[in-house]
Amino acid sequence: MEPGSIDNLSILYQSSDFIVVNKHWDVRIDSKMWYEKLTLQSQLKYRFPELADPDTCYGFRFCHQLDFSTSGALCVALNKTAAGSAYKGFSVRRCGAADIRTI
């Protein structure tokens, strides 16, 4: 598998409340380190600059985490209400694709 790049972000699902992306195995979700140029945060800002929220630390509300070397579906909330709903769903271990679509 080729290494991740700024423009190879795979979108699995998108609505007005959520984006679900396929996180690449060699891309960190976010970083405050100056030398970390490629992150999921930077990929999202590159692909969807209009969706970045300046009121959040990283510009996006990541609903959960995946380890650096782990690939897979990662949910990003696009507003506070969606983030709160996702947080509640993940905290009780009930937050699947069907639940996201109904939020």
N, C-alpha and C. Protein backbone atom coordinates (compact mmCIF):
# COMPACT_ATOMS: atom_id res chain seq x y z
N MET A 1 0.85 -1.18 0.00
CA MET A 1 0.00 0.00 0.00
C MET A 1 0.89 1.24 0.00
N GLU A 2 0.56 2.20 -0.83
CA GLU A 2 1.35 3.41 -0.92
C GLU A 2 1.16 4.29 0.32
N PRO A 3 2.17 5.10 0.66
CA PRO A 3 2.04 5.99 1.83
C PRO A 3 0.94 7.03 1.62
N GLY A 4 0.41 7.55 2.72
CA GLY A 4 -0.61 8.58 2.64
C GLY A 4 -0.04 9.88 2.09
N SER A 5 -0.91 10.71 1.53
CA SER A 5 -0.52 12.02 1.03
C SER A 5 -1.65 13.00 1.33
N ILE A 6 -1.37 14.26 1.15
CA ILE A 6 -2.34 15.30 1.47
C ILE A 6 -3.64 15.16 0.67
N ASP A 7 -3.57 14.63 -0.53
CA ASP A 7 -4.76 14.60 -1.38
C ASP A 7 -5.38 13.22 -1.57
N ASN A 8 -4.95 12.20 -0.81
CA ASN A 8 -5.57 10.89 -1.00
C ASN A 8 -6.47 10.51 0.17
N LEU A 9 -7.32 11.41 0.58
CA LEU A 9 -8.28 11.17 1.65
C LEU A 9 -9.51 10.46 1.08
N SER A 10 -9.83 9.31 1.63
CA SER A 10 -10.97 8.53 1.17
C SER A 10 -12.19 8.81 2.05
N ILE A 11 -13.26 9.31 1.45
CA ILE A 11 -14.50 9.62 2.17
C ILE A 11 -15.43 8.43 2.07
N LEU A 12 -15.86 7.90 3.22
CA LEU A 12 -16.77 6.77 3.26
C LEU A 12 -18.23 7.21 3.37
N TYR A 13 -18.45 8.33 4.05
CA TYR A 13 -19.81 8.83 4.27
C TYR A 13 -19.72 10.33 4.53
N GLN A 14 -20.71 11.09 4.04
CA GLN A 14 -20.74 12.52 4.30
C GLN A 14 -22.17 12.99 4.41
N SER A 15 -22.44 13.80 5.42
CA SER A 15 -23.74 14.43 5.59
C SER A 15 -23.49 15.85 6.10
N SER A 16 -24.55 16.54 6.44
CA SER A 16 -24.36 17.89 6.97
C SER A 16 -23.82 17.87 8.40
N ASP A 17 -23.88 16.71 9.05
CA ASP A 17 -23.42 16.59 10.44
C ASP A 17 -22.10 15.83 10.59
N PHE A 18 -21.81 14.90 9.69
CA PHE A 18 -20.66 14.03 9.85
C PHE A 18 -19.92 13.79 8.53
N ILE A 19 -18.64 13.52 8.68
CA ILE A 19 -17.84 12.94 7.61
C ILE A 19 -17.19 11.70 8.22
N VAL A 20 -17.28 10.59 7.53
CA VAL A 20 -16.57 9.38 7.95
C VAL A 20 -15.51 9.13 6.90
N VAL A 21 -14.26 9.09 7.35
CA VAL A 21 -13.14 8.91 6.43
C VAL A 21 -12.45 7.57 6.69
N ASN A 22 -11.75 7.10 5.70
CA ASN A 22 -10.93 5.91 5.86
C ASN A 22 -9.51 6.39 6.17
N LYS A 23 -9.15 6.38 7.47
CA LYS A 23 -7.83 6.87 7.89
C LYS A 23 -6.75 5.94 7.37
N HIS A 24 -5.75 6.52 6.74
CA HIS A 24 -4.63 5.76 6.20
C HIS A 24 -3.75 5.29 7.35
N TRP A 25 -3.08 4.17 7.18
CA TRP A 25 -2.28 3.55 8.25
C TRP A 25 -1.09 4.38 8.71
N ASP A 26 -0.58 5.28 7.90
CA ASP A 26 0.61 6.04 8.30
C ASP A 26 0.33 7.53 8.50
N VAL A 27 -0.92 7.87 8.82
CA VAL A 27 -1.30 9.27 9.02
C VAL A 27 -1.83 9.44 10.44
N ARG A 28 -1.25 10.40 11.14
CA ARG A 28 -1.74 10.74 12.48
C ARG A 28 -3.04 11.53 12.34
N ILE A 29 -3.86 11.47 13.37
CA ILE A 29 -5.13 12.21 13.34
C ILE A 29 -4.85 13.71 13.44
N ASP A 30 -4.03 14.10 14.40
CA ASP A 30 -3.69 15.51 14.57
C ASP A 30 -2.32 15.60 15.24
N SER A 31 -1.76 16.77 15.23
CA SER A 31 -0.47 16.98 15.87
C SER A 31 -0.21 18.46 16.04
N LYS A 32 0.41 18.80 17.15
CA LYS A 32 0.83 20.19 17.37
C LYS A 32 2.33 20.34 17.09
N MET A 33 2.96 19.28 16.62
CA MET A 33 4.38 19.32 16.32
C MET A 33 4.60 19.96 14.95
N TRP A 34 5.50 20.90 14.86
CA TRP A 34 5.73 21.64 13.62
C TRP A 34 6.18 20.76 12.48
N TYR A 35 6.85 19.65 12.78
CA TYR A 35 7.38 18.79 11.72
C TYR A 35 6.36 17.77 11.21
N GLU A 36 5.22 17.66 11.86
CA GLU A 36 4.16 16.76 11.41
C GLU A 36 3.31 17.48 10.38
N LYS A 37 3.67 17.37 9.13
CA LYS A 37 2.96 18.08 8.06
C LYS A 37 1.71 17.33 7.60
N LEU A 38 1.81 16.00 7.55
CA LEU A 38 0.69 15.19 7.05
C LEU A 38 -0.08 14.59 8.22
N THR A 39 -1.28 15.08 8.43
CA THR A 39 -2.19 14.55 9.44
C THR A 39 -3.58 14.47 8.83
N LEU A 40 -4.46 13.75 9.48
CA LEU A 40 -5.84 13.72 9.01
C LEU A 40 -6.44 15.13 9.08
N GLN A 41 -6.06 15.87 10.08
CA GLN A 41 -6.48 17.26 10.21
C GLN A 41 -6.08 18.06 8.97
N SER A 42 -4.83 17.93 8.52
CA SER A 42 -4.38 18.69 7.35
C SER A 42 -5.05 18.18 6.07
N GLN A 43 -5.31 16.88 5.98
CA GLN A 43 -6.02 16.35 4.82
C GLN A 43 -7.44 16.92 4.75
N LEU A 44 -8.12 16.96 5.90
CA LEU A 44 -9.48 17.51 5.93
C LEU A 44 -9.49 19.00 5.58
N LYS A 45 -8.53 19.76 6.12
CA LYS A 45 -8.46 21.19 5.80
C LYS A 45 -8.15 21.42 4.32
N TYR A 46 -7.35 20.56 3.75
CA TYR A 46 -7.02 20.66 2.32
C TYR A 46 -8.24 20.37 1.46
N ARG A 47 -8.97 19.30 1.81
CA ARG A 47 -10.12 18.86 1.01
C ARG A 47 -11.38 19.67 1.28
N PHE A 48 -11.59 20.06 2.54
CA PHE A 48 -12.82 20.76 2.94
C PHE A 48 -12.48 22.02 3.75
N PRO A 49 -11.80 22.99 3.16
CA PRO A 49 -11.42 24.18 3.95
C PRO A 49 -12.63 24.92 4.53
N GLU A 50 -13.75 24.85 3.84
CA GLU A 50 -14.96 25.54 4.29
C GLU A 50 -15.60 24.89 5.52
N LEU A 51 -15.23 23.65 5.82
CA LEU A 51 -15.82 22.94 6.97
C LEU A 51 -14.99 23.05 8.24
N ALA A 52 -13.78 23.57 8.13
CA ALA A 52 -12.91 23.71 9.31
C ALA A 52 -13.53 24.73 10.27
N ASP A 53 -13.54 24.40 11.54
CA ASP A 53 -14.12 25.26 12.57
C ASP A 53 -12.99 25.91 13.38
N PRO A 54 -12.81 27.21 13.24
CA PRO A 54 -11.71 27.89 13.95
C PRO A 54 -11.90 27.90 15.47
N ASP A 55 -13.10 27.57 15.95
CA ASP A 55 -13.35 27.54 17.40
C ASP A 55 -12.89 26.25 18.06
N THR A 56 -12.41 25.29 17.27
CA THR A 56 -11.91 24.04 17.84
C THR A 56 -10.39 24.03 17.77
N CYS A 57 -9.79 23.21 18.60
CA CYS A 57 -8.32 23.15 18.68
C CYS A 57 -7.70 22.72 17.36
N TYR A 58 -8.27 21.72 16.72
CA TYR A 58 -7.68 21.17 15.50
C TYR A 58 -8.48 21.49 14.24
N GLY A 59 -9.55 22.25 14.37
CA GLY A 59 -10.34 22.61 13.20
C GLY A 59 -11.49 21.66 12.92
N PHE A 60 -11.41 20.47 13.51
CA PHE A 60 -12.46 19.46 13.32
C PHE A 60 -12.70 18.74 14.64
N ARG A 61 -13.89 18.20 14.79
CA ARG A 61 -14.27 17.47 16.01
C ARG A 61 -14.18 15.97 15.73
N PHE A 62 -13.07 15.37 16.13
CA PHE A 62 -12.88 13.94 15.93
C PHE A 62 -13.67 13.20 17.00
N CYS A 63 -14.55 12.30 16.58
CA CYS A 63 -15.45 11.62 17.51
C CYS A 63 -14.78 10.49 18.28
N HIS A 64 -13.68 9.99 17.77
CA HIS A 64 -12.93 8.93 18.44
C HIS A 64 -11.53 8.93 17.87
N GLN A 65 -10.69 8.02 18.33
CA GLN A 65 -9.30 7.97 17.91
C GLN A 65 -8.97 6.62 17.27
N LEU A 66 -7.98 6.63 16.42
CA LEU A 66 -7.35 5.41 15.91
C LEU A 66 -5.85 5.61 16.07
N ASP A 67 -5.15 4.56 16.44
CA ASP A 67 -3.70 4.66 16.58
C ASP A 67 -3.06 5.06 15.26
N PHE A 68 -1.85 5.62 15.36
CA PHE A 68 -1.11 6.07 14.19
C PHE A 68 -1.02 4.99 13.13
N SER A 69 -0.65 3.79 13.50
CA SER A 69 -0.43 2.72 12.52
C SER A 69 -1.68 1.93 12.19
N THR A 70 -2.84 2.38 12.66
CA THR A 70 -4.11 1.70 12.41
C THR A 70 -4.89 2.43 11.33
N SER A 71 -5.37 1.69 10.36
CA SER A 71 -6.23 2.28 9.33
C SER A 71 -7.68 1.90 9.64
N GLY A 72 -8.60 2.65 9.06
CA GLY A 72 -10.00 2.31 9.24
C GLY A 72 -10.90 3.53 9.29
N ALA A 73 -12.17 3.27 9.50
CA ALA A 73 -13.18 4.32 9.50
C ALA A 73 -13.04 5.20 10.74
N LEU A 74 -13.06 6.50 10.51
CA LEU A 74 -12.97 7.46 11.60
C LEU A 74 -14.04 8.52 11.38
N CYS A 75 -14.81 8.79 12.41
CA CYS A 75 -15.94 9.70 12.34
C CYS A 75 -15.53 11.10 12.79
N VAL A 76 -15.93 12.11 12.01
CA VAL A 76 -15.65 13.51 12.31
C VAL A 76 -16.98 14.25 12.34
N ALA A 77 -17.28 14.87 13.48
CA ALA A 77 -18.51 15.66 13.60
C ALA A 77 -18.26 17.05 13.04
N LEU A 78 -19.25 17.61 12.36
CA LEU A 78 -19.09 18.91 11.72
C LEU A 78 -19.73 20.05 12.49
N ASN A 79 -20.35 19.74 13.64
CA ASN A 79 -20.93 20.79 14.48
C ASN A 79 -21.02 20.28 15.92
N LYS A 80 -21.30 21.20 16.85
CA LYS A 80 -21.33 20.84 18.27
C LYS A 80 -22.43 19.83 18.60
N THR A 81 -23.59 20.01 18.01
CA THR A 81 -24.70 19.11 18.28
C THR A 81 -24.37 17.68 17.86
N ALA A 82 -23.84 17.54 16.66
CA ALA A 82 -23.45 16.21 16.17
C ALA A 82 -22.35 15.61 17.03
N ALA A 83 -21.39 16.44 17.45
CA ALA A 83 -20.30 15.95 18.30
C ALA A 83 -20.85 15.45 19.63
N GLY A 84 -21.80 16.17 20.21
CA GLY A 84 -22.41 15.74 21.47
C GLY A 84 -23.16 14.43 21.31
N SER A 85 -23.89 14.28 20.22
CA SER A 85 -24.62 13.04 19.97
C SER A 85 -23.66 11.87 19.77
N ALA A 86 -22.60 12.11 19.03
CA ALA A 86 -21.62 11.04 18.80
C ALA A 86 -20.93 10.67 20.11
N TYR A 87 -20.58 11.67 20.92
CA TYR A 87 -19.95 11.40 22.21
C TYR A 87 -20.84 10.50 23.06
N LYS A 88 -22.13 10.83 23.13
CA LYS A 88 -23.07 10.02 23.91
C LYS A 88 -23.14 8.60 23.35
N GLY A 89 -23.21 8.47 22.03
CA GLY A 89 -23.28 7.15 21.41
C GLY A 89 -22.04 6.32 21.66
N PHE A 90 -20.88 6.93 21.53
CA PHE A 90 -19.63 6.19 21.77
C PHE A 90 -19.47 5.86 23.25
N SER A 91 -19.93 6.73 24.15
CA SER A 91 -19.75 6.47 25.58
C SER A 91 -20.57 5.27 26.05
N VAL A 92 -21.68 4.99 25.39
CA VAL A 92 -22.47 3.81 25.75
C VAL A 92 -22.26 2.68 24.74
N ARG A 93 -21.24 2.85 23.91
CA ARG A 93 -20.86 1.85 22.90
C ARG A 93 -22.00 1.54 21.93
N ARG A 94 -22.72 2.59 21.55
CA ARG A 94 -23.80 2.44 20.57
C ARG A 94 -23.72 3.60 19.59
N CYS A 95 -22.89 3.45 18.60
CA CYS A 95 -22.75 4.51 17.60
C CYS A 95 -22.28 3.89 16.30
N GLY A 96 -23.18 3.33 15.55
CA GLY A 96 -22.88 2.75 14.26
C GLY A 96 -23.35 3.64 13.14
N ALA A 97 -23.21 3.19 11.92
CA ALA A 97 -23.60 3.98 10.75
C ALA A 97 -25.08 4.34 10.79
N ALA A 98 -25.93 3.43 11.21
CA ALA A 98 -27.36 3.72 11.27
C ALA A 98 -27.64 4.81 12.30
N ASP A 99 -26.91 4.79 13.42
CA ASP A 99 -27.10 5.81 14.45
C ASP A 99 -26.65 7.18 13.94
N ILE A 100 -25.55 7.24 13.22
CA ILE A 100 -25.04 8.50 12.69
C ILE A 100 -26.03 9.10 11.71
N ARG A 101 -26.62 8.29 10.88
CA ARG A 101 -27.56 8.80 9.88
C ARG A 101 -28.81 9.40 10.52
N THR A 102 -29.15 8.97 11.74
CA THR A 102 -30.38 9.46 12.38
C THR A 102 -30.14 10.64 13.29
N ILE A 103 -28.89 11.03 13.48
CA ILE A 103 -28.59 12.16 14.37
C ILE A 103 -28.95 13.46 13.67
